[in-house]
Amino acid sequence: MQTTIQLDDALLAKATALAHEQGCDLSHLIETTLRDKLAPVSPVASRPFHHLTTFAGDGVHPGVDLNNSAALLALMERGE
């Protein structure tokens, strides 16, 4: 459907430049932007804050690599 809208000159220039950067025409940019803006927003449920239990100590034991989950699991299974 074709329609006529009035846009501020500066806004039109920015929109035209953005459409060119994205490799689409102005109509496509306006259409997708409106779709995004008008899409229903699902509410984000607030989650209760949970306190994490922490322990005092000197940090990670020597030889433990927290970035290697397989090695960490092996150490935990051995009880080290």
PDB file of N, CA and C in Angstrom:
ATOM      1  N   MET A   1       0.839  -1.170   0.000  1.00  0.00           N
ATOM      2  CA  MET A   1       0.000   0.000   0.000  1.00  0.00           C
ATOM      3  C   MET A   1       0.887   1.237   0.000  1.00  0.00           C
ATOM      4  N   GLN A   2       0.478   2.202  -0.719  1.00  0.00           N
ATOM      5  CA  GLN A   2       1.248   3.431  -0.816  1.00  0.00           C
ATOM      6  C   GLN A   2       0.576   4.506   0.022  1.00  0.00           C
ATOM      7  N   THR A   3       1.390   5.266   0.759  1.00  0.00           N
ATOM      8  CA  THR A   3       0.876   6.357   1.579  1.00  0.00           C
ATOM      9  C   THR A   3       1.903   7.466   1.619  1.00  0.00           C
ATOM     10  N   THR A   4       1.497   8.619   2.069  1.00  0.00           N
ATOM     11  CA  THR A   4       2.393   9.766   2.170  1.00  0.00           C
ATOM     12  C   THR A   4       2.540  10.128   3.642  1.00  0.00           C
ATOM     13  N   ILE A   5       3.791  10.326   4.067  1.00  0.00           N
ATOM     14  CA  ILE A   5       4.051  10.767   5.442  1.00  0.00           C
ATOM     15  C   ILE A   5       4.958  11.983   5.393  1.00  0.00           C
ATOM     16  N   GLN A   6       4.911  12.766   6.453  1.00  0.00           N
ATOM     17  CA  GLN A   6       5.782  13.936   6.553  1.00  0.00           C
ATOM     18  C   GLN A   6       6.850  13.648   7.598  1.00  0.00           C
ATOM     19  N   LEU A   7       8.096  13.835   7.205  1.00  0.00           N
ATOM     20  CA  LEU A   7       9.230  13.614   8.095  1.00  0.00           C
ATOM     21  C   LEU A   7      10.085  14.861   8.147  1.00  0.00           C
ATOM     22  N   ASP A   8      10.694  15.073   9.295  1.00  0.00           N
ATOM     23  CA  ASP A   8      11.677  16.138   9.446  1.00  0.00           C
ATOM     24  C   ASP A   8      12.815  15.876   8.463  1.00  0.00           C
ATOM     25  N   ASP A   9      13.356  16.926   7.853  1.00  0.00           N
ATOM     26  CA  ASP A   9      14.410  16.770   6.845  1.00  0.00           C
ATOM     27  C   ASP A   9      15.637  16.046   7.391  1.00  0.00           C
ATOM     28  N   ALA A  10      16.025  16.364   8.622  1.00  0.00           N
ATOM     29  CA  ALA A  10      17.212  15.727   9.213  1.00  0.00           C
ATOM     30  C   ALA A  10      16.941  14.244   9.464  1.00  0.00           C
ATOM     31  N   LEU A  11      15.734  13.919   9.924  1.00  0.00           N
ATOM     32  CA  LEU A  11      15.373  12.526  10.170  1.00  0.00           C
ATOM     33  C   LEU A  11      15.338  11.745   8.858  1.00  0.00           C
ATOM     34  N   LEU A  12      14.788  12.342   7.836  1.00  0.00           N
ATOM     35  CA  LEU A  12      14.743  11.692   6.523  1.00  0.00           C
ATOM     36  C   LEU A  12      16.151  11.426   5.995  1.00  0.00           C
ATOM     37  N   ALA A  13      17.047  12.391   6.179  1.00  0.00           N
ATOM     38  CA  ALA A  13      18.425  12.221   5.710  1.00  0.00           C
ATOM     39  C   ALA A  13      19.110  11.074   6.446  1.00  0.00           C
ATOM     40  N   LYS A  14      18.908  10.990   7.776  1.00  0.00           N
ATOM     41  CA  LYS A  14      19.506   9.901   8.552  1.00  0.00           C
ATOM     42  C   LYS A  14      18.918   8.550   8.146  1.00  0.00           C
ATOM     43  N   ALA A  15      17.609   8.519   7.948  1.00  0.00           N
ATOM     44  CA  ALA A  15      16.956   7.267   7.563  1.00  0.00           C
ATOM     45  C   ALA A  15      17.413   6.823   6.180  1.00  0.00           C
ATOM     46  N   THR A  16      17.532   7.749   5.268  1.00  0.00           N
ATOM     47  CA  THR A  16      17.989   7.425   3.918  1.00  0.00           C
ATOM     48  C   THR A  16      19.418   6.892   3.950  1.00  0.00           C
ATOM     49  N   ALA A  17      20.271   7.528   4.750  1.00  0.00           N
ATOM     50  CA  ALA A  17      21.660   7.071   4.866  1.00  0.00           C
ATOM     51  C   ALA A  17      21.723   5.678   5.487  1.00  0.00           C
ATOM     52  N   LEU A  18      20.905   5.433   6.507  1.00  0.00           N
ATOM     53  CA  LEU A  18      20.891   4.120   7.152  1.00  0.00           C
ATOM     54  C   LEU A  18      20.394   3.049   6.183  1.00  0.00           C
ATOM     55  N   ALA A  19      19.369   3.369   5.426  1.00  0.00           N
ATOM     56  CA  ALA A  19      18.862   2.412   4.431  1.00  0.00           C
ATOM     57  C   ALA A  19      19.952   2.084   3.413  1.00  0.00           C
ATOM     58  N   HIS A  20      20.681   3.097   2.983  1.00  0.00           N
ATOM     59  CA  HIS A  20      21.766   2.876   2.028  1.00  0.00           C
ATOM     60  C   HIS A  20      22.856   1.995   2.634  1.00  0.00           C
ATOM     61  N   GLU A  21      23.214   2.245   3.912  1.00  0.00           N
ATOM     62  CA  GLU A  21      24.232   1.438   4.597  1.00  0.00           C
ATOM     63  C   GLU A  21      23.799  -0.017   4.700  1.00  0.00           C
ATOM     64  N   GLN A  22      22.502  -0.234   4.917  1.00  0.00           N
ATOM     65  CA  GLN A  22      21.988  -1.590   5.084  1.00  0.00           C
ATOM     66  C   GLN A  22      21.651  -2.258   3.752  1.00  0.00           C
ATOM     67  N   GLY A  23      21.785  -1.513   2.675  1.00  0.00           N
ATOM     68  CA  GLY A  23      21.536  -2.072   1.356  1.00  0.00           C
ATOM     69  C   GLY A  23      20.074  -2.311   1.051  1.00  0.00           C
ATOM     70  N   CYS A  24      19.215  -1.457   1.599  1.00  0.00           N
ATOM     71  CA  CYS A  24      17.787  -1.596   1.324  1.00  0.00           C
ATOM     72  C   CYS A  24      17.232  -0.220   0.974  1.00  0.00           C
ATOM     73  N   ASP A  25      15.981  -0.197   0.528  1.00  0.00           N
ATOM     74  CA  ASP A  25      15.388   1.099   0.220  1.00  0.00           C
ATOM     75  C   ASP A  25      14.714   1.670   1.466  1.00  0.00           C
ATOM     76  N   LEU A  26      14.357   2.931   1.394  1.00  0.00           N
ATOM     77  CA  LEU A  26      13.774   3.637   2.534  1.00  0.00           C
ATOM     78  C   LEU A  26      12.460   2.998   2.976  1.00  0.00           C
ATOM     79  N   SER A  27      11.655   2.557   2.037  1.00  0.00           N
ATOM     80  CA  SER A  27      10.376   1.920   2.384  1.00  0.00           C
ATOM     81  C   SER A  27      10.598   0.675   3.230  1.00  0.00           C
ATOM     82  N   HIS A  28      11.556  -0.140   2.830  1.00  0.00           N
ATOM     83  CA  HIS A  28      11.851  -1.366   3.586  1.00  0.00           C
ATOM     84  C   HIS A  28      12.337  -1.022   4.992  1.00  0.00           C
ATOM     85  N   LEU A  29      13.206  -0.036   5.108  1.00  0.00           N
ATOM     86  CA  LEU A  29      13.720   0.371   6.420  1.00  0.00           C
ATOM     87  C   LEU A  29      12.583   0.836   7.318  1.00  0.00           C
ATOM     88  N   ILE A  30      11.702   1.677   6.801  1.00  0.00           N
ATOM     89  CA  ILE A  30      10.580   2.186   7.599  1.00  0.00           C
ATOM     90  C   ILE A  30       9.652   1.037   7.986  1.00  0.00           C
ATOM     91  N   GLU A  31       9.377   0.138   7.055  1.00  0.00           N
ATOM     92  CA  GLU A  31       8.480  -0.980   7.328  1.00  0.00           C
ATOM     93  C   GLU A  31       9.036  -1.894   8.418  1.00  0.00           C
ATOM     94  N   THR A  32      10.309  -2.269   8.324  1.00  0.00           N
ATOM     95  CA  THR A  32      10.884  -3.161   9.333  1.00  0.00           C
ATOM     96  C   THR A  32      11.019  -2.459  10.685  1.00  0.00           C
ATOM     97  N   THR A  33      11.323  -1.182  10.658  1.00  0.00           N
ATOM     98  CA  THR A  33      11.434  -0.432  11.912  1.00  0.00           C
ATOM     99  C   THR A  33      10.081  -0.348  12.610  1.00  0.00           C
ATOM    100  N   LEU A  34       9.036  -0.092  11.846  1.00  0.00           N
ATOM    101  CA  LEU A  34       7.693  -0.048  12.425  1.00  0.00           C
ATOM    102  C   LEU A  34       7.268  -1.416  12.952  1.00  0.00           C
ATOM    103  N   ARG A  35       7.585  -2.464  12.213  1.00  0.00           N
ATOM    104  CA  ARG A  35       7.248  -3.811  12.693  1.00  0.00           C
ATOM    105  C   ARG A  35       7.925  -4.090  14.031  1.00  0.00           C
ATOM    106  N   ASP A  36       9.210  -3.750  14.115  1.00  0.00           N
ATOM    107  CA  ASP A  36       9.942  -3.968  15.367  1.00  0.00           C
ATOM    108  C   ASP A  36       9.336  -3.154  16.508  1.00  0.00           C
ATOM    109  N   LYS A  37       8.995  -1.927  16.227  1.00  0.00           N
ATOM    110  CA  LYS A  37       8.460  -1.042  17.263  1.00  0.00           C
ATOM    111  C   LYS A  37       7.072  -1.475  17.710  1.00  0.00           C
ATOM    112  N   LEU A  38       6.270  -1.997  16.797  1.00  0.00           N
ATOM    113  CA  LEU A  38       4.898  -2.372  17.111  1.00  0.00           C
ATOM    114  C   LEU A  38       4.752  -3.809  17.593  1.00  0.00           C
ATOM    115  N   ALA A  39       5.816  -4.577  17.543  1.00  0.00           N
ATOM    116  CA  ALA A  39       5.763  -5.974  17.996  1.00  0.00           C
ATOM    117  C   ALA A  39       5.474  -6.004  19.492  1.00  0.00           C
ATOM    118  N   PRO A  40       4.633  -6.948  19.903  1.00  0.00           N
ATOM    119  CA  PRO A  40       4.337  -7.034  21.339  1.00  0.00           C
ATOM    120  C   PRO A  40       5.592  -7.385  22.131  1.00  0.00           C
ATOM    121  N   VAL A  41       5.713  -6.767  23.264  1.00  0.00           N
ATOM    122  CA  VAL A  41       6.862  -6.995  24.139  1.00  0.00           C
ATOM    123  C   VAL A  41       6.412  -7.909  25.268  1.00  0.00           C
ATOM    124  N   SER A  42       7.081  -9.041  25.391  1.00  0.00           N
ATOM    125  CA  SER A  42       6.717  -9.940  26.479  1.00  0.00           C
ATOM    126  C   SER A  42       7.285  -9.382  27.787  1.00  0.00           C
ATOM    127  N   PRO A  43       6.460  -9.345  28.809  1.00  0.00           N
ATOM    128  CA  PRO A  43       6.928  -8.793  30.086  1.00  0.00           C
ATOM    129  C   PRO A  43       7.994  -9.683  30.707  1.00  0.00           C
ATOM    130  N   VAL A  44       8.956  -9.057  31.304  1.00  0.00           N
ATOM    131  CA  VAL A  44      10.031  -9.785  31.976  1.00  0.00           C
ATOM    132  C   VAL A  44       9.636  -9.944  33.437  1.00  0.00           C
ATOM    133  N   ALA A  45       9.512 -11.172  33.847  1.00  0.00           N
ATOM    134  CA  ALA A  45       9.136 -11.431  35.234  1.00  0.00           C
ATOM    135  C   ALA A  45      10.297 -11.074  36.146  1.00  0.00           C
ATOM    136  N   SER A  46       9.985 -10.377  37.207  1.00  0.00           N
ATOM    137  CA  SER A  46      11.051 -10.040  38.153  1.00  0.00           C
ATOM    138  C   SER A  46      11.401 -11.284  38.954  1.00  0.00           C
ATOM    139  N   ARG A  47      12.671 -11.498  39.079  1.00  0.00           N
ATOM    140  CA  ARG A  47      13.139 -12.670  39.813  1.00  0.00           C
ATOM    141  C   ARG A  47      13.639 -12.216  41.183  1.00  0.00           C
ATOM    142  N   PRO A  48      13.347 -13.009  42.202  1.00  0.00           N
ATOM    143  CA  PRO A  48      13.846 -12.626  43.528  1.00  0.00           C
ATOM    144  C   PRO A  48      15.362 -12.740  43.579  1.00  0.00           C
ATOM    145  N   PHE A  49      15.960 -11.893  44.375  1.00  0.00           N
ATOM    146  CA  PHE A  49      17.410 -11.913  44.535  1.00  0.00           C
ATOM    147  C   PHE A  49      17.789 -13.087  45.415  1.00  0.00           C
ATOM    148  N   HIS A  50      18.732 -13.884  44.954  1.00  0.00           N
ATOM    149  CA  HIS A  50      19.199 -15.020  45.740  1.00  0.00           C
ATOM    150  C   HIS A  50      20.608 -14.736  46.236  1.00  0.00           C
ATOM    151  N   HIS A  51      20.797 -14.924  47.518  1.00  0.00           N
ATOM    152  CA  HIS A  51      22.138 -14.762  48.082  1.00  0.00           C
ATOM    153  C   HIS A  51      22.940 -16.032  47.813  1.00  0.00           C
ATOM    154  N   LEU A  52      24.137 -15.857  47.340  1.00  0.00           N
ATOM    155  CA  LEU A  52      25.014 -16.986  47.078  1.00  0.00           C
ATOM    156  C   LEU A  52      25.855 -17.277  48.311  1.00  0.00           C
ATOM    157  N   THR A  53      25.997 -18.532  48.606  1.00  0.00           N
ATOM    158  CA  THR A  53      26.817 -18.932  49.734  1.00  0.00           C
ATOM    159  C   THR A  53      28.279 -18.853  49.312  1.00  0.00           C
ATOM    160  N   THR A  54      29.071 -18.199  50.102  1.00  0.00           N
ATOM    161  CA  THR A  54      30.500 -18.083  49.815  1.00  0.00           C
ATOM    162  C   THR A  54      31.298 -18.679  50.967  1.00  0.00           C
ATOM    163  N   PHE A  55      32.510 -19.047  50.675  1.00  0.00           N
ATOM    164  CA  PHE A  55      33.379 -19.633  51.677  1.00  0.00           C
ATOM    165  C   PHE A  55      34.684 -18.852  51.712  1.00  0.00           C
ATOM    166  N   ALA A  56      35.240 -18.732  52.897  1.00  0.00           N
ATOM    167  CA  ALA A  56      36.532 -18.067  53.039  1.00  0.00           C
ATOM    168  C   ALA A  56      37.621 -19.042  52.603  1.00  0.00           C
ATOM    169  N   GLY A  57      38.709 -18.512  52.179  1.00  0.00           N
ATOM    170  CA  GLY A  57      39.815 -19.380  51.788  1.00  0.00           C
ATOM    171  C   GLY A  57      40.798 -18.642  50.917  1.00  0.00           C
ATOM    172  N   ASP A  58      41.678 -19.403  50.324  1.00  0.00           N
ATOM    173  CA  ASP A  58      42.741 -18.831  49.515  1.00  0.00           C
ATOM    174  C   ASP A  58      42.469 -18.941  48.025  1.00  0.00           C
ATOM    175  N   GLY A  59      41.239 -19.250  47.634  1.00  0.00           N
ATOM    176  CA  GLY A  59      40.923 -19.338  46.218  1.00  0.00           C
ATOM    177  C   GLY A  59      41.018 -20.761  45.711  1.00  0.00           C
ATOM    178  N   VAL A  60      41.290 -20.894  44.440  1.00  0.00           N
ATOM    179  CA  VAL A  60      41.327 -22.194  43.777  1.00  0.00           C
ATOM    180  C   VAL A  60      42.598 -22.941  44.166  1.00  0.00           C
ATOM    181  N   HIS A  61      42.446 -24.235  44.360  1.00  0.00           N
ATOM    182  CA  HIS A  61      43.600 -25.066  44.692  1.00  0.00           C
ATOM    183  C   HIS A  61      44.547 -25.146  43.502  1.00  0.00           C
ATOM    184  N   PRO A  62      45.846 -25.367  43.760  1.00  0.00           N
ATOM    185  CA  PRO A  62      46.804 -25.494  42.661  1.00  0.00           C
ATOM    186  C   PRO A  62      46.410 -26.632  41.720  1.00  0.00           C
ATOM    187  N   GLY A  63      46.543 -26.410  40.432  1.00  0.00           N
ATOM    188  CA  GLY A  63      46.237 -27.419  39.441  1.00  0.00           C
ATOM    189  C   GLY A  63      44.791 -27.432  38.980  1.00  0.00           C
ATOM    190  N   VAL A  64      43.944 -26.614  39.593  1.00  0.00           N
ATOM    191  CA  VAL A  64      42.538 -26.565  39.202  1.00  0.00           C
ATOM    192  C   VAL A  64      42.355 -25.466  38.163  1.00  0.00           C
ATOM    193  N   ASP A  65      41.839 -25.850  37.008  1.00  0.00           N
ATOM    194  CA  ASP A  65      41.575 -24.895  35.929  1.00  0.00           C
ATOM    195  C   ASP A  65      40.060 -24.777  35.766  1.00  0.00           C
ATOM    196  N   LEU A  66      39.495 -23.665  36.191  1.00  0.00           N
ATOM    197  CA  LEU A  66      38.044 -23.490  36.133  1.00  0.00           C
ATOM    198  C   LEU A  66      37.532 -23.371  34.701  1.00  0.00           C
ATOM    199  N   ASN A  67      38.418 -23.169  33.746  1.00  0.00           N
ATOM    200  CA  ASN A  67      38.016 -23.088  32.348  1.00  0.00           C
ATOM    201  C   ASN A  67      37.955 -24.459  31.679  1.00  0.00           C
ATOM    202  N   ASN A  68      38.395 -25.509  32.375  1.00  0.00           N
ATOM    203  CA  ASN A  68      38.402 -26.862  31.828  1.00  0.00           C
ATOM    204  C   ASN A  68      37.425 -27.696  32.644  1.00  0.00           C
ATOM    205  N   SER A  69      36.181 -27.763  32.179  1.00  0.00           N
ATOM    206  CA  SER A  69      35.141 -28.438  32.960  1.00  0.00           C
ATOM    207  C   SER A  69      35.386 -29.935  33.096  1.00  0.00           C
ATOM    208  N   ALA A  70      35.950 -30.570  32.079  1.00  0.00           N
ATOM    209  CA  ALA A  70      36.206 -32.012  32.154  1.00  0.00           C
ATOM    210  C   ALA A  70      37.254 -32.311  33.229  1.00  0.00           C
ATOM    211  N   ALA A  71      38.319 -31.529  33.248  1.00  0.00           N
ATOM    212  CA  ALA A  71      39.365 -31.739  34.259  1.00  0.00           C
ATOM    213  C   ALA A  71      38.835 -31.413  35.653  1.00  0.00           C
ATOM    214  N   LEU A  72      38.013 -30.392  35.750  1.00  0.00           N
ATOM    215  CA  LEU A  72      37.432 -30.016  37.043  1.00  0.00           C
ATOM    216  C   LEU A  72      36.525 -31.131  37.549  1.00  0.00           C
ATOM    217  N   LEU A  73      35.703 -31.697  36.661  1.00  0.00           N
ATOM    218  CA  LEU A  73      34.831 -32.798  37.049  1.00  0.00           C
ATOM    219  C   LEU A  73      35.654 -34.002  37.505  1.00  0.00           C
ATOM    220  N   ALA A  74      36.739 -34.305  36.803  1.00  0.00           N
ATOM    221  CA  ALA A  74      37.594 -35.432  37.183  1.00  0.00           C
ATOM    222  C   ALA A  74      38.193 -35.214  38.571  1.00  0.00           C
ATOM    223  N   LEU A  75      38.628 -34.004  38.858  1.00  0.00           N
ATOM    224  CA  LEU A  75      39.191 -33.699  40.187  1.00  0.00           C
ATOM    225  C   LEU A  75      38.116 -33.827  41.265  1.00  0.00           C
ATOM    226  N   MET A  76      36.922 -33.377  40.955  1.00  0.00           N
ATOM    227  CA  MET A  76      35.829 -33.454  41.933  1.00  0.00           C
ATOM    228  C   MET A  76      35.448 -34.906  42.202  1.00  0.00           C
ATOM    229  N   GLU A  77      35.449 -35.722  41.160  1.00  0.00           N
ATOM    230  CA  GLU A  77      35.088 -37.142  41.339  1.00  0.00           C
ATOM    231  C   GLU A  77      36.135 -37.877  42.152  1.00  0.00           C
ATOM    232  N   ARG A  78      37.404 -37.485  42.007  1.00  0.00           N
ATOM    233  CA  ARG A  78      38.481 -38.103  42.791  1.00  0.00           C
ATOM    234  C   ARG A  78      38.499 -37.578  44.220  1.00  0.00           C
ATOM    235  N   GLY A  79      37.779 -36.484  44.474  1.00  0.00           N
ATOM    236  CA  GLY A  79      37.741 -35.928  45.834  1.00  0.00           C
ATOM    237  C   GLY A  79      38.914 -35.043  46.148  1.00  0.00           C
ATOM    238  N   GLU A  80      39.574 -34.537  45.137  1.00  0.00           N
ATOM    239  CA  GLU A  80      40.747 -33.684  45.377  1.00  0.00           C
ATOM    240  C   GLU A  80      40.340 -32.247  45.558  1.00  0.00           C
TER     241      GLU A  80
END
